[in-house]
PDB file of all heavy atoms in Angstrom:
ATOM      1  N   GLY A   1      -3.383  -9.856  -3.759  1.00  0.00           N
ATOM      2  CA  GLY A   1      -2.340  -9.069  -4.407  1.00  0.00           C
ATOM      3  C   GLY A   1      -2.813  -7.704  -4.872  1.00  0.00           C
ATOM      4  O   GLY A   1      -3.970  -7.522  -5.260  1.00  0.00           O
ATOM      5  N   THR A   2      -1.893  -6.731  -4.825  1.00  0.00           N
ATOM      6  CA  THR A   2      -2.195  -5.358  -5.217  1.00  0.00           C
ATOM      7  C   THR A   2      -1.030  -4.790  -6.028  1.00  0.00           C
ATOM      8  O   THR A   2       0.087  -5.303  -5.986  1.00  0.00           O
ATOM      9  CB  THR A   2      -2.435  -4.464  -3.983  1.00  0.00           C
ATOM     10  OG1 THR A   2      -1.393  -4.686  -3.026  1.00  0.00           O
ATOM     11  CG2 THR A   2      -3.782  -4.759  -3.338  1.00  0.00           C
ATOM     12  N   ALA A   3      -1.329  -3.707  -6.757  1.00  0.00           N
ATOM     13  CA  ALA A   3      -0.294  -3.013  -7.525  1.00  0.00           C
ATOM     14  C   ALA A   3      -0.693  -1.549  -7.667  1.00  0.00           C
ATOM     15  O   ALA A   3      -1.884  -1.219  -7.677  1.00  0.00           O
ATOM     16  CB  ALA A   3      -0.113  -3.645  -8.905  1.00  0.00           C
ATOM     17  N   ILE A   4       0.325  -0.683  -7.780  1.00  0.00           N
ATOM     18  CA  ILE A   4       0.099   0.733  -8.083  1.00  0.00           C
ATOM     19  C   ILE A   4       1.049   1.136  -9.199  1.00  0.00           C
ATOM     20  O   ILE A   4       2.236   0.810  -9.179  1.00  0.00           O
ATOM     21  CB  ILE A   4       0.343   1.655  -6.874  1.00  0.00           C
ATOM     22  CG1 ILE A   4      -0.564   1.300  -5.689  1.00  0.00           C
ATOM     23  CG2 ILE A   4       0.129   3.110  -7.274  1.00  0.00           C
ATOM     24  CD1 ILE A   4      -0.376   2.213  -4.464  1.00  0.00           C
ATOM     25  N   PHE A   5       0.509   1.867 -10.166  1.00  0.00           N
ATOM     26  CA  PHE A   5       1.294   2.479 -11.233  1.00  0.00           C
ATOM     27  C   PHE A   5       1.112   3.993 -11.127  1.00  0.00           C
ATOM     28  O   PHE A   5      -0.021   4.471 -11.081  1.00  0.00           O
ATOM     29  CB  PHE A   5       0.823   1.983 -12.603  1.00  0.00           C
ATOM     30  CG  PHE A   5       0.775   0.484 -12.685  1.00  0.00           C
ATOM     31  CD1 PHE A   5      -0.421  -0.205 -12.482  1.00  0.00           C
ATOM     32  CD2 PHE A   5       1.923  -0.246 -12.926  1.00  0.00           C
ATOM     33  CE1 PHE A   5      -0.466  -1.574 -12.530  1.00  0.00           C
ATOM     34  CE2 PHE A   5       1.889  -1.627 -12.975  1.00  0.00           C
ATOM     35  CZ  PHE A   5       0.696  -2.298 -12.775  1.00  0.00           C
ATOM     36  N   THR A   6       2.225   4.718 -11.064  1.00  0.00           N
ATOM     37  CA  THR A   6       2.149   6.153 -10.836  1.00  0.00           C
ATOM     38  C   THR A   6       3.124   6.892 -11.741  1.00  0.00           C
ATOM     39  O   THR A   6       4.267   6.451 -11.935  1.00  0.00           O
ATOM     40  CB  THR A   6       2.422   6.494  -9.352  1.00  0.00           C
ATOM     41  OG1 THR A   6       2.443   7.912  -9.181  1.00  0.00           O
ATOM     42  CG2 THR A   6       3.737   5.912  -8.872  1.00  0.00           C
ATOM     43  N   LYS A   7       2.667   8.008 -12.288  1.00  0.00           N
ATOM     44  CA  LYS A   7       3.527   8.811 -13.150  1.00  0.00           C
ATOM     45  C   LYS A   7       4.576   9.579 -12.348  1.00  0.00           C
ATOM     46  O   LYS A   7       5.673   9.827 -12.850  1.00  0.00           O
ATOM     47  CB  LYS A   7       2.681   9.783 -13.967  1.00  0.00           C
ATOM     48  CG  LYS A   7       1.807   9.118 -15.018  1.00  0.00           C
ATOM     49  CD  LYS A   7       1.011  10.156 -15.801  1.00  0.00           C
ATOM     50  CE  LYS A   7       0.172   9.503 -16.887  1.00  0.00           C
ATOM     51  NZ  LYS A   7      -0.630  10.498 -17.633  1.00  0.00           N
ATOM     52  N   GLU A   8       4.232   9.986 -11.143  1.00  0.00           N
ATOM     53  CA  GLU A   8       5.151  10.761 -10.314  1.00  0.00           C
ATOM     54  C   GLU A   8       5.784   9.860  -9.271  1.00  0.00           C
ATOM     55  O   GLU A   8       5.086   9.184  -8.517  1.00  0.00           O
ATOM     56  CB  GLU A   8       4.419  11.916  -9.623  1.00  0.00           C
ATOM     57  CG  GLU A   8       5.334  12.793  -8.776  1.00  0.00           C
ATOM     58  CD  GLU A   8       4.605  13.946  -8.119  1.00  0.00           C
ATOM     59  OE1 GLU A   8       3.443  14.219  -8.493  1.00  0.00           O
ATOM     60  OE2 GLU A   8       5.191  14.573  -7.214  1.00  0.00           O
ATOM     61  N   LYS A   9       7.091   9.863  -9.225  1.00  0.00           N
ATOM     62  CA  LYS A   9       7.799   9.018  -8.270  1.00  0.00           C
ATOM     63  C   LYS A   9       7.495   9.465  -6.847  1.00  0.00           C
ATOM     64  O   LYS A   9       7.612  10.648  -6.516  1.00  0.00           O
ATOM     65  CB  LYS A   9       9.300   9.098  -8.521  1.00  0.00           C
ATOM     66  CG  LYS A   9      10.115   8.125  -7.674  1.00  0.00           C
ATOM     67  CD  LYS A   9      11.595   8.206  -8.023  1.00  0.00           C
ATOM     68  CE  LYS A   9      12.417   7.229  -7.195  1.00  0.00           C
ATOM     69  NZ  LYS A   9      13.848   7.282  -7.543  1.00  0.00           N
ATOM     70  N   PRO A  10       7.095   8.543  -5.972  1.00  0.00           N
ATOM     71  CA  PRO A  10       6.819   8.914  -4.574  1.00  0.00           C
ATOM     72  C   PRO A  10       8.091   9.097  -3.769  1.00  0.00           C
ATOM     73  O   PRO A  10       9.167   8.629  -4.156  1.00  0.00           O
ATOM     74  CB  PRO A  10       6.007   7.729  -4.055  1.00  0.00           C
ATOM     75  CG  PRO A  10       6.523   6.567  -4.845  1.00  0.00           C
ATOM     76  CD  PRO A  10       6.821   7.111  -6.224  1.00  0.00           C
ATOM     77  N   GLN A  11       7.937   9.757  -2.633  1.00  0.00           N
ATOM     78  CA  GLN A  11       9.067   9.899  -1.712  1.00  0.00           C
ATOM     79  C   GLN A  11       9.420   8.563  -1.064  1.00  0.00           C
ATOM     80  O   GLN A  11      10.589   8.262  -0.830  1.00  0.00           O
ATOM     81  CB  GLN A  11       8.732  10.925  -0.626  1.00  0.00           C
ATOM     82  CG  GLN A  11       8.559  12.334  -1.135  1.00  0.00           C
ATOM     83  CD  GLN A  11       8.146  13.295  -0.036  1.00  0.00           C
ATOM     84  OE1 GLN A  11       7.591  12.895   0.987  1.00  0.00           O
ATOM     85  NE2 GLN A  11       8.399  14.576  -0.239  1.00  0.00           N
ATOM     86  N   ASN A  12       8.376   7.786  -0.749  1.00  0.00           N
ATOM     87  CA  ASN A  12       8.564   6.479  -0.104  1.00  0.00           C
ATOM     88  C   ASN A  12       7.446   5.541  -0.542  1.00  0.00           C
ATOM     89  O   ASN A  12       6.369   5.996  -0.972  1.00  0.00           O
ATOM     90  CB  ASN A  12       8.527   6.604   1.425  1.00  0.00           C
ATOM     91  CG  ASN A  12       9.723   7.346   1.984  1.00  0.00           C
ATOM     92  OD1 ASN A  12      10.842   6.868   1.903  1.00  0.00           O
ATOM     93  ND2 ASN A  12       9.484   8.531   2.539  1.00  0.00           N
ATOM     94  N   ALA A  13       7.695   4.251  -0.418  1.00  0.00           N
ATOM     95  CA  ALA A  13       6.689   3.231  -0.709  1.00  0.00           C
ATOM     96  C   ALA A  13       6.769   2.147   0.356  1.00  0.00           C
ATOM     97  O   ALA A  13       7.866   1.756   0.772  1.00  0.00           O
ATOM     98  CB  ALA A  13       6.902   2.638  -2.090  1.00  0.00           C
ATOM     99  N   PHE A  14       5.613   1.683   0.820  1.00  0.00           N
ATOM    100  CA  PHE A  14       5.546   0.688   1.884  1.00  0.00           C
ATOM    101  C   PHE A  14       4.514  -0.383   1.513  1.00  0.00           C
ATOM    102  O   PHE A  14       3.447  -0.056   0.998  1.00  0.00           O
ATOM    103  CB  PHE A  14       5.111   1.312   3.215  1.00  0.00           C
ATOM    104  CG  PHE A  14       5.823   2.592   3.568  1.00  0.00           C
ATOM    105  CD1 PHE A  14       5.257   3.817   3.238  1.00  0.00           C
ATOM    106  CD2 PHE A  14       7.042   2.575   4.223  1.00  0.00           C
ATOM    107  CE1 PHE A  14       5.891   5.006   3.568  1.00  0.00           C
ATOM    108  CE2 PHE A  14       7.678   3.756   4.557  1.00  0.00           C
ATOM    109  CZ  PHE A  14       7.108   4.975   4.229  1.00  0.00           C
ATOM    110  N   ASN A  15       4.811  -1.631   1.803  1.00  0.00           N
ATOM    111  CA  ASN A  15       3.848  -2.716   1.666  1.00  0.00           C
ATOM    112  C   ASN A  15       3.341  -3.133   3.037  1.00  0.00           C
ATOM    113  O   ASN A  15       4.113  -3.201   3.999  1.00  0.00           O
ATOM    114  CB  ASN A  15       4.466  -3.926   0.978  1.00  0.00           C
ATOM    115  CG  ASN A  15       4.615  -3.733  -0.525  1.00  0.00           C
ATOM    116  OD1 ASN A  15       4.113  -2.761  -1.089  1.00  0.00           O
ATOM    117  ND2 ASN A  15       5.295  -4.656  -1.182  1.00  0.00           N
ATOM    118  N   GLY A  16       2.035  -3.411   3.114  1.00  0.00           N
ATOM    119  CA  GLY A  16       1.453  -3.906   4.352  1.00  0.00           C
ATOM    120  C   GLY A  16       1.186  -2.800   5.362  1.00  0.00           C
ATOM    121  O   GLY A  16       1.362  -1.605   5.084  1.00  0.00           O
ATOM    122  N   ILE A  17       0.769  -3.233   6.555  1.00  0.00           N
ATOM    123  CA  ILE A  17       0.460  -2.288   7.626  1.00  0.00           C
ATOM    124  C   ILE A  17       1.305  -2.548   8.876  1.00  0.00           C
ATOM    125  O   ILE A  17       1.035  -2.002   9.934  1.00  0.00           O
ATOM    126  CB  ILE A  17      -1.046  -2.310   7.979  1.00  0.00           C
ATOM    127  CG1 ILE A  17      -1.509  -3.703   8.434  1.00  0.00           C
ATOM    128  CG2 ILE A  17      -1.874  -1.826   6.795  1.00  0.00           C
ATOM    129  CD1 ILE A  17      -2.963  -3.733   8.910  1.00  0.00           C
ATOM    130  N   GLY A  18       2.306  -3.405   8.742  1.00  0.00           N
ATOM    131  CA  GLY A  18       3.238  -3.621   9.839  1.00  0.00           C
ATOM    132  C   GLY A  18       2.824  -4.670  10.846  1.00  0.00           C
ATOM    133  O   GLY A  18       3.399  -4.754  11.933  1.00  0.00           O
ATOM    134  N   ILE A  19       1.818  -5.499  10.487  1.00  0.00           N
ATOM    135  CA  ILE A  19       1.368  -6.573  11.375  1.00  0.00           C
ATOM    136  C   ILE A  19       1.400  -7.864  10.570  1.00  0.00           C
ATOM    137  O   ILE A  19       0.669  -8.006   9.582  1.00  0.00           O
ATOM    138  CB  ILE A  19      -0.051  -6.307  11.922  1.00  0.00           C
ATOM    139  CG1 ILE A  19      -0.079  -4.994  12.715  1.00  0.00           C
ATOM    140  CG2 ILE A  19      -0.524  -7.465  12.781  1.00  0.00           C
ATOM    141  CD1 ILE A  19      -1.456  -4.580  13.172  1.00  0.00           C
ATOM    142  N   GLU A  20       2.233  -8.798  10.970  1.00  0.00           N
ATOM    143  CA  GLU A  20       2.541  -9.966  10.143  1.00  0.00           C
ATOM    144  C   GLU A  20       1.297 -10.748   9.738  1.00  0.00           C
ATOM    145  O   GLU A  20       1.169 -11.158   8.572  1.00  0.00           O
ATOM    146  CB  GLU A  20       3.516 -10.884  10.888  1.00  0.00           C
ATOM    147  CG  GLU A  20       3.965 -12.065  10.048  1.00  0.00           C
ATOM    148  CD  GLU A  20       5.009 -12.910  10.745  1.00  0.00           C
ATOM    149  OE1 GLU A  20       5.405 -12.545  11.879  1.00  0.00           O
ATOM    150  OE2 GLU A  20       5.426 -13.932  10.174  1.00  0.00           O
ATOM    151  N   LYS A  21       0.363 -10.953  10.658  1.00  0.00           N
ATOM    152  CA  LYS A  21      -0.789 -11.805  10.318  1.00  0.00           C
ATOM    153  C   LYS A  21      -1.698 -11.160   9.280  1.00  0.00           C
ATOM    154  O   LYS A  21      -2.543 -11.844   8.691  1.00  0.00           O
ATOM    155  CB  LYS A  21      -1.575 -12.163  11.576  1.00  0.00           C
ATOM    156  CG  LYS A  21      -2.297 -11.015  12.251  1.00  0.00           C
ATOM    157  CD  LYS A  21      -3.042 -11.532  13.480  1.00  0.00           C
ATOM    158  CE  LYS A  21      -3.748 -10.409  14.247  1.00  0.00           C
ATOM    159  NZ  LYS A  21      -4.449 -10.925  15.443  1.00  0.00           N
ATOM    160  N   PHE A  22      -1.525  -9.859   9.040  1.00  0.00           N
ATOM    161  CA  PHE A  22      -2.310  -9.184   8.017  1.00  0.00           C
ATOM    162  C   PHE A  22      -1.508  -8.889   6.751  1.00  0.00           C
ATOM    163  O   PHE A  22      -2.062  -8.407   5.761  1.00  0.00           O
ATOM    164  CB  PHE A  22      -2.870  -7.866   8.563  1.00  0.00           C
ATOM    165  CG  PHE A  22      -3.801  -8.030   9.723  1.00  0.00           C
ATOM    166  CD1 PHE A  22      -3.580  -7.355  10.908  1.00  0.00           C
ATOM    167  CD2 PHE A  22      -4.902  -8.870   9.632  1.00  0.00           C
ATOM    168  CE1 PHE A  22      -4.436  -7.507  11.986  1.00  0.00           C
ATOM    169  CE2 PHE A  22      -5.763  -9.031  10.709  1.00  0.00           C
ATOM    170  CZ  PHE A  22      -5.537  -8.350  11.893  1.00  0.00           C
ATOM    171  N   ASP A  23      -0.205  -9.162   6.805  1.00  0.00           N
ATOM    172  CA  ASP A  23       0.656  -8.726   5.710  1.00  0.00           C
ATOM    173  C   ASP A  23       1.145  -9.860   4.820  1.00  0.00           C
ATOM    174  O   ASP A  23       2.056  -9.670   4.026  1.00  0.00           O
ATOM    175  CB  ASP A  23       1.855  -7.947   6.274  1.00  0.00           C
ATOM    176  CG  ASP A  23       1.460  -6.568   6.783  1.00  0.00           C
ATOM    177  OD1 ASP A  23       0.340  -6.120   6.480  1.00  0.00           O
ATOM    178  OD2 ASP A  23       2.271  -5.947   7.496  1.00  0.00           O
ATOM    179  N   THR A  24       0.527 -11.036   4.922  1.00  0.00           N
ATOM    180  CA  THR A  24       0.947 -12.169   4.095  1.00  0.00           C
ATOM    181  C   THR A  24       0.111 -12.305   2.824  1.00  0.00           C
ATOM    182  O   THR A  24       0.404 -13.163   1.991  1.00  0.00           O
ATOM    183  CB  THR A  24       0.841 -13.475   4.888  1.00  0.00           C
ATOM    184  OG1 THR A  24      -0.532 -13.684   5.285  1.00  0.00           O
ATOM    185  CG2 THR A  24       1.747 -13.453   6.107  1.00  0.00           C
ATOM    186  N   GLU A  25      -0.930 -11.470   2.678  1.00  0.00           N
ATOM    187  CA  GLU A  25      -1.850 -11.632   1.553  1.00  0.00           C
ATOM    188  C   GLU A  25      -1.746 -10.509   0.526  1.00  0.00           C
ATOM    189  O   GLU A  25      -2.578 -10.418  -0.378  1.00  0.00           O
ATOM    190  CB  GLU A  25      -3.290 -11.754   2.081  1.00  0.00           C
ATOM    191  CG  GLU A  25      -3.463 -12.999   2.950  1.00  0.00           C
ATOM    192  CD  GLU A  25      -4.878 -13.195   3.470  1.00  0.00           C
ATOM    193  OE1 GLU A  25      -5.717 -12.279   3.284  1.00  0.00           O
ATOM    194  OE2 GLU A  25      -5.155 -14.266   4.036  1.00  0.00           O
ATOM    195  N   GLY A  26      -0.749  -9.661   0.649  1.00  0.00           N
ATOM    196  CA  GLY A  26      -0.491  -8.647  -0.378  1.00  0.00           C
ATOM    197  C   GLY A  26      -1.586  -7.623  -0.541  1.00  0.00           C
ATOM    198  O   GLY A  26      -1.838  -7.164  -1.657  1.00  0.00           O
ATOM    199  N   ARG A  27      -2.196  -7.179   0.562  1.00  0.00           N
ATOM    200  CA  ARG A  27      -3.418  -6.397   0.470  1.00  0.00           C
ATOM    201  C   ARG A  27      -3.231  -4.876   0.506  1.00  0.00           C
ATOM    202  O   ARG A  27      -4.184  -4.150   0.199  1.00  0.00           O
ATOM    203  CB  ARG A  27      -4.370  -6.805   1.604  1.00  0.00           C
ATOM    204  CG  ARG A  27      -4.889  -8.226   1.445  1.00  0.00           C
ATOM    205  CD  ARG A  27      -5.935  -8.574   2.473  1.00  0.00           C
ATOM    206  NE  ARG A  27      -6.460  -9.920   2.265  1.00  0.00           N
ATOM    207  CZ  ARG A  27      -7.454 -10.227   1.447  1.00  0.00           C
ATOM    208  NH1 ARG A  27      -8.045  -9.257   0.754  1.00  0.00           N
ATOM    209  NH2 ARG A  27      -7.863 -11.477   1.302  1.00  0.00           N
ATOM    210  N   VAL A  28      -2.089  -4.378   0.875  1.00  0.00           N
ATOM    211  CA  VAL A  28      -1.939  -2.929   1.061  1.00  0.00           C
ATOM    212  C   VAL A  28      -0.615  -2.438   0.482  1.00  0.00           C
ATOM    213  O   VAL A  28       0.432  -3.041   0.714  1.00  0.00           O
ATOM    214  CB  VAL A  28      -2.003  -2.545   2.559  1.00  0.00           C
ATOM    215  CG1 VAL A  28      -1.806  -1.040   2.738  1.00  0.00           C
ATOM    216  CG2 VAL A  28      -3.336  -2.973   3.174  1.00  0.00           C
ATOM    217  N   ILE A  29      -0.685  -1.356  -0.289  1.00  0.00           N
ATOM    218  CA  ILE A  29       0.494  -0.605  -0.726  1.00  0.00           C
ATOM    219  C   ILE A  29       0.249   0.858  -0.371  1.00  0.00           C
ATOM    220  O   ILE A  29      -0.817   1.406  -0.668  1.00  0.00           O
ATOM    221  CB  ILE A  29       0.745  -0.719  -2.227  1.00  0.00           C
ATOM    222  CG1 ILE A  29       0.906  -2.178  -2.666  1.00  0.00           C
ATOM    223  CG2 ILE A  29       1.995   0.093  -2.634  1.00  0.00           C
ATOM    224  CD1 ILE A  29       0.998  -2.347  -4.176  1.00  0.00           C
ATOM    225  N   THR A  30       1.238   1.502   0.220  1.00  0.00           N
ATOM    226  CA  THR A  30       1.165   2.921   0.558  1.00  0.00           C
ATOM    227  C   THR A  30       2.290   3.667  -0.158  1.00  0.00           C
ATOM    228  O   THR A  30       3.452   3.258  -0.085  1.00  0.00           O
ATOM    229  CB  THR A  30       1.316   3.142   2.072  1.00  0.00           C
ATOM    230  OG1 THR A  30       0.291   2.416   2.760  1.00  0.00           O
ATOM    231  CG2 THR A  30       1.211   4.626   2.421  1.00  0.00           C
ATOM    232  N   LEU A  31       1.942   4.749  -0.833  1.00  0.00           N
ATOM    233  CA  LEU A  31       2.927   5.649  -1.419  1.00  0.00           C
ATOM    234  C   LEU A  31       2.843   6.987  -0.698  1.00  0.00           C
ATOM    235  O   LEU A  31       1.744   7.508  -0.476  1.00  0.00           O
ATOM    236  CB  LEU A  31       2.672   5.865  -2.914  1.00  0.00           C
ATOM    237  CG  LEU A  31       2.656   4.629  -3.811  1.00  0.00           C
ATOM    238  CD1 LEU A  31       2.523   5.062  -5.270  1.00  0.00           C
ATOM    239  CD2 LEU A  31       3.878   3.754  -3.615  1.00  0.00           C
ATOM    240  N   GLU A  32       3.996   7.523  -0.363  1.00  0.00           N
ATOM    241  CA  GLU A  32       4.056   8.821   0.303  1.00  0.00           C
ATOM    242  C   GLU A  32       4.503   9.888  -0.683  1.00  0.00           C
ATOM    243  O   GLU A  32       5.544   9.752  -1.337  1.00  0.00           O
ATOM    244  CB  GLU A  32       5.029   8.783   1.474  1.00  0.00           C
ATOM    245  CG  GLU A  32       5.133  10.125   2.210  1.00  0.00           C
ATOM    246  CD  GLU A  32       6.135  10.134   3.340  1.00  0.00           C
ATOM    247  OE1 GLU A  32       6.820   9.103   3.542  1.00  0.00           O
ATOM    248  OE2 GLU A  32       6.240  11.178   4.031  1.00  0.00           O
ATOM    249  N   TYR A  33       3.705  10.953  -0.762  1.00  0.00           N
ATOM    250  CA  TYR A  33       4.054  12.139  -1.539  1.00  0.00           C
ATOM    251  C   TYR A  33       4.227  13.324  -0.587  1.00  0.00           C
ATOM    252  O   TYR A  33       3.995  13.202   0.615  1.00  0.00           O
ATOM    253  CB  TYR A  33       2.985  12.414  -2.593  1.00  0.00           C
ATOM    254  CG  TYR A  33       2.999  11.402  -3.705  1.00  0.00           C
ATOM    255  CD1 TYR A  33       2.162  10.284  -3.665  1.00  0.00           C
ATOM    256  CD2 TYR A  33       3.868  11.542  -4.780  1.00  0.00           C
ATOM    257  CE1 TYR A  33       2.194   9.339  -4.675  1.00  0.00           C
ATOM    258  CE2 TYR A  33       3.900  10.604  -5.802  1.00  0.00           C
ATOM    259  CZ  TYR A  33       3.066   9.503  -5.748  1.00  0.00           C
ATOM    260  OH  TYR A  33       3.098   8.567  -6.742  1.00  0.00           O
ATOM    261  N   GLU A  34       4.617  14.447  -1.120  1.00  0.00           N
ATOM    262  CA  GLU A  34       4.930  15.598  -0.278  1.00  0.00           C
ATOM    263  C   GLU A  34       3.764  15.999   0.605  1.00  0.00           C
ATOM    264  O   GLU A  34       3.940  16.303   1.787  1.00  0.00           O
ATOM    265  CB  GLU A  34       5.349  16.785  -1.148  1.00  0.00           C
ATOM    266  CG  GLU A  34       5.718  18.035  -0.339  1.00  0.00           C
ATOM    267  CD  GLU A  34       6.104  19.202  -1.219  1.00  0.00           C
ATOM    268  OE1 GLU A  34       6.133  19.045  -2.458  1.00  0.00           O
ATOM    269  OE2 GLU A  34       6.381  20.288  -0.668  1.00  0.00           O
ATOM    270  N   LYS A  35       2.547  15.987   0.059  1.00  0.00           N
ATOM    271  CA  LYS A  35       1.401  16.523   0.782  1.00  0.00           C
ATOM    272  C   LYS A  35       0.368  15.482   1.197  1.00  0.00           C
ATOM    273  O   LYS A  35      -0.591  15.820   1.883  1.00  0.00           O
ATOM    274  CB  LYS A  35       0.720  17.604  -0.060  1.00  0.00           C
ATOM    275  CG  LYS A  35       1.607  18.821  -0.317  1.00  0.00           C
ATOM    276  CD  LYS A  35       0.867  19.879  -1.111  1.00  0.00           C
ATOM    277  CE  LYS A  35       1.740  21.100  -1.337  1.00  0.00           C
ATOM    278  NZ  LYS A  35       1.035  22.156  -2.142  1.00  0.00           N
ATOM    279  N   PHE A  36       0.548  14.221   0.781  1.00  0.00           N
ATOM    280  CA  PHE A  36      -0.483  13.221   1.086  1.00  0.00           C
ATOM    281  C   PHE A  36       0.092  11.823   0.937  1.00  0.00           C
ATOM    282  O   PHE A  36       1.174  11.616   0.383  1.00  0.00           O
ATOM    283  CB  PHE A  36      -1.690  13.382   0.156  1.00  0.00           C
ATOM    284  CG  PHE A  36      -1.396  13.074  -1.292  1.00  0.00           C
ATOM    285  CD1 PHE A  36      -1.701  11.842  -1.840  1.00  0.00           C
ATOM    286  CD2 PHE A  36      -0.817  14.030  -2.122  1.00  0.00           C
ATOM    287  CE1 PHE A  36      -1.436  11.548  -3.164  1.00  0.00           C
ATOM    288  CE2 PHE A  36      -0.539  13.755  -3.453  1.00  0.00           C
ATOM    289  CZ  PHE A  36      -0.846  12.508  -3.977  1.00  0.00           C
ATOM    290  N   PHE A  37      -0.661  10.845   1.457  1.00  0.00           N
ATOM    291  CA  PHE A  37      -0.418   9.426   1.226  1.00  0.00           C
ATOM    292  C   PHE A  37      -1.515   8.889   0.329  1.00  0.00           C
ATOM    293  O   PHE A  37      -2.694   9.237   0.503  1.00  0.00           O
ATOM    294  CB  PHE A  37      -0.443   8.634   2.537  1.00  0.00           C
ATOM    295  CG  PHE A  37       0.720   8.871   3.452  1.00  0.00           C
ATOM    296  CD1 PHE A  37       0.668   9.847   4.442  1.00  0.00           C
ATOM    297  CD2 PHE A  37       1.873   8.106   3.341  1.00  0.00           C
ATOM    298  CE1 PHE A  37       1.726  10.056   5.306  1.00  0.00           C
ATOM    299  CE2 PHE A  37       2.947   8.313   4.202  1.00  0.00           C
ATOM    300  CZ  PHE A  37       2.881   9.287   5.187  1.00  0.00           C
ATOM    301  N   ILE A  38      -1.159   8.020  -0.604  1.00  0.00           N
ATOM    302  CA  ILE A  38      -2.147   7.254  -1.356  1.00  0.00           C
ATOM    303  C   ILE A  38      -1.989   5.789  -0.964  1.00  0.00           C
ATOM    304  O   ILE A  38      -0.869   5.256  -0.946  1.00  0.00           O
ATOM    305  CB  ILE A  38      -1.997   7.439  -2.880  1.00  0.00           C
ATOM    306  CG1 ILE A  38      -2.992   6.570  -3.658  1.00  0.00           C
ATOM    307  CG2 ILE A  38      -0.574   7.161  -3.355  1.00  0.00           C
ATOM    308  CD1 ILE A  38      -4.374   7.108  -3.719  1.00  0.00           C
ATOM    309  N   ILE A  39      -3.093   5.163  -0.585  1.00  0.00           N
ATOM    310  CA  ILE A  39      -3.072   3.778  -0.112  1.00  0.00           C
ATOM    311  C   ILE A  39      -4.012   2.955  -0.984  1.00  0.00           C
ATOM    312  O   ILE A  39      -5.180   3.303  -1.163  1.00  0.00           O
ATOM    313  CB  ILE A  39      -3.516   3.683   1.357  1.00  0.00           C
ATOM    314  CG1 ILE A  39      -2.659   4.594   2.245  1.00  0.00           C
ATOM    315  CG2 ILE A  39      -3.426   2.239   1.841  1.00  0.00           C
ATOM    316  CD1 ILE A  39      -3.191   4.733   3.656  1.00  0.00           C
ATOM    317  N   ASN A  40      -3.485   1.867  -1.508  1.00  0.00           N
ATOM    318  CA  ASN A  40      -4.271   0.913  -2.282  1.00  0.00           C
ATOM    319  C   ASN A  40      -4.555  -0.274  -1.378  1.00  0.00           C
ATOM    320  O   ASN A  40      -3.625  -0.872  -0.822  1.00  0.00           O
ATOM    321  CB  ASN A  40      -3.466   0.480  -3.514  1.00  0.00           C
ATOM    322  CG  ASN A  40      -4.219  -0.489  -4.406  1.00  0.00           C
ATOM    323  OD1 ASN A  40      -5.429  -0.590  -4.356  1.00  0.00           O
ATOM    324  ND2 ASN A  40      -3.471  -1.198  -5.243  1.00  0.00           N
ATOM    325  N   VAL A  41      -5.832  -0.630  -1.222  1.00  0.00           N
ATOM    326  CA  VAL A  41      -6.194  -1.662  -0.244  1.00  0.00           C
ATOM    327  C   VAL A  41      -7.221  -2.634  -0.818  1.00  0.00           C
ATOM    328  O   VAL A  41      -8.166  -2.224  -1.514  1.00  0.00           O
ATOM    329  CB  VAL A  41      -6.717  -1.029   1.074  1.00  0.00           C
ATOM    330  CG1 VAL A  41      -7.884  -0.105   0.842  1.00  0.00           C
ATOM    331  CG2 VAL A  41      -7.077  -2.100   2.100  1.00  0.00           C
ATOM    332  N   TYR A  42      -7.020  -3.899  -0.538  1.00  0.00           N
ATOM    333  CA  TYR A  42      -7.972  -4.954  -0.878  1.00  0.00           C
ATOM    334  C   TYR A  42      -8.377  -5.618   0.436  1.00  0.00           C
ATOM    335  O   TYR A  42      -7.677  -6.458   0.984  1.00  0.00           O
ATOM    336  CB  TYR A  42      -7.331  -5.951  -1.848  1.00  0.00           C
ATOM    337  CG  TYR A  42      -8.193  -7.133  -2.209  1.00  0.00           C
ATOM    338  CD1 TYR A  42      -9.564  -7.003  -2.378  1.00  0.00           C
ATOM    339  CD2 TYR A  42      -7.624  -8.391  -2.396  1.00  0.00           C
ATOM    340  CE1 TYR A  42     -10.351  -8.086  -2.716  1.00  0.00           C
ATOM    341  CE2 TYR A  42      -8.398  -9.486  -2.740  1.00  0.00           C
ATOM    342  CZ  TYR A  42      -9.751  -9.324  -2.904  1.00  0.00           C
ATOM    343  OH  TYR A  42     -10.536 -10.410  -3.231  1.00  0.00           O
ATOM    344  N   THR A  43      -9.528  -5.221   0.948  1.00  0.00           N
ATOM    345  CA  THR A  43      -9.998  -5.665   2.263  1.00  0.00           C
ATOM    346  C   THR A  43     -10.418  -7.135   2.228  1.00  0.00           C
ATOM    347  O   THR A  43     -11.087  -7.565   1.284  1.00  0.00           O
ATOM    348  CB  THR A  43     -11.180  -4.788   2.706  1.00  0.00           C
ATOM    349  OG1 THR A  43     -10.742  -3.436   2.788  1.00  0.00           O
ATOM    350  CG2 THR A  43     -11.714  -5.222   4.056  1.00  0.00           C
ATOM    351  N   PRO A  44     -10.083  -7.917   3.242  1.00  0.00           N
ATOM    352  CA  PRO A  44     -10.480  -9.331   3.262  1.00  0.00           C
ATOM    353  C   PRO A  44     -11.999  -9.508   3.209  1.00  0.00           C
ATOM    354  O   PRO A  44     -12.744  -8.767   3.849  1.00  0.00           O
ATOM    355  CB  PRO A  44      -9.922  -9.836   4.600  1.00  0.00           C
ATOM    356  CG  PRO A  44      -8.849  -8.880   4.970  1.00  0.00           C
ATOM    357  CD  PRO A  44      -9.257  -7.557   4.413  1.00  0.00           C
ATOM    358  N   ASN A  45     -12.419 -10.496   2.458  1.00  0.00           N
ATOM    359  CA  ASN A  45     -13.825 -10.887   2.403  1.00  0.00           C
ATOM    360  C   ASN A  45     -14.160 -11.738   3.627  1.00  0.00           C
ATOM    361  O   ASN A  45     -13.352 -12.567   4.055  1.00  0.00           O
ATOM    362  CB  ASN A  45     -14.077 -11.681   1.112  1.00  0.00           C
ATOM    363  CG  ASN A  45     -15.538 -11.935   0.843  1.00  0.00           C
ATOM    364  OD1 ASN A  45     -16.207 -12.633   1.604  1.00  0.00           O
ATOM    365  ND2 ASN A  45     -16.033 -11.399  -0.254  1.00  0.00           N
ATOM    366  N   SER A  46     -15.352 -11.537   4.167  1.00  0.00           N
ATOM    367  CA  SER A  46     -15.756 -12.308   5.352  1.00  0.00           C
ATOM    368  C   SER A  46     -16.133 -13.751   5.043  1.00  0.00           C
ATOM    369  O   SER A  46     -16.298 -14.551   5.969  1.00  0.00           O
ATOM    370  CB  SER A  46     -16.929 -11.612   6.057  1.00  0.00           C
ATOM    371  OG  SER A  46     -16.508 -10.393   6.597  1.00  0.00           O
TER     372      SER A  46
END
């Protein structure tokens, strides 16, 4: 699981990376701003 708290509202927000087998564990949040993306990621442990 992941979370992001931001003072400035993003243009868009996305969970996951668009591949089902990687998106069931809550590992990625992406926020889109005017000039950049901020991505919060918790990489799987081997």
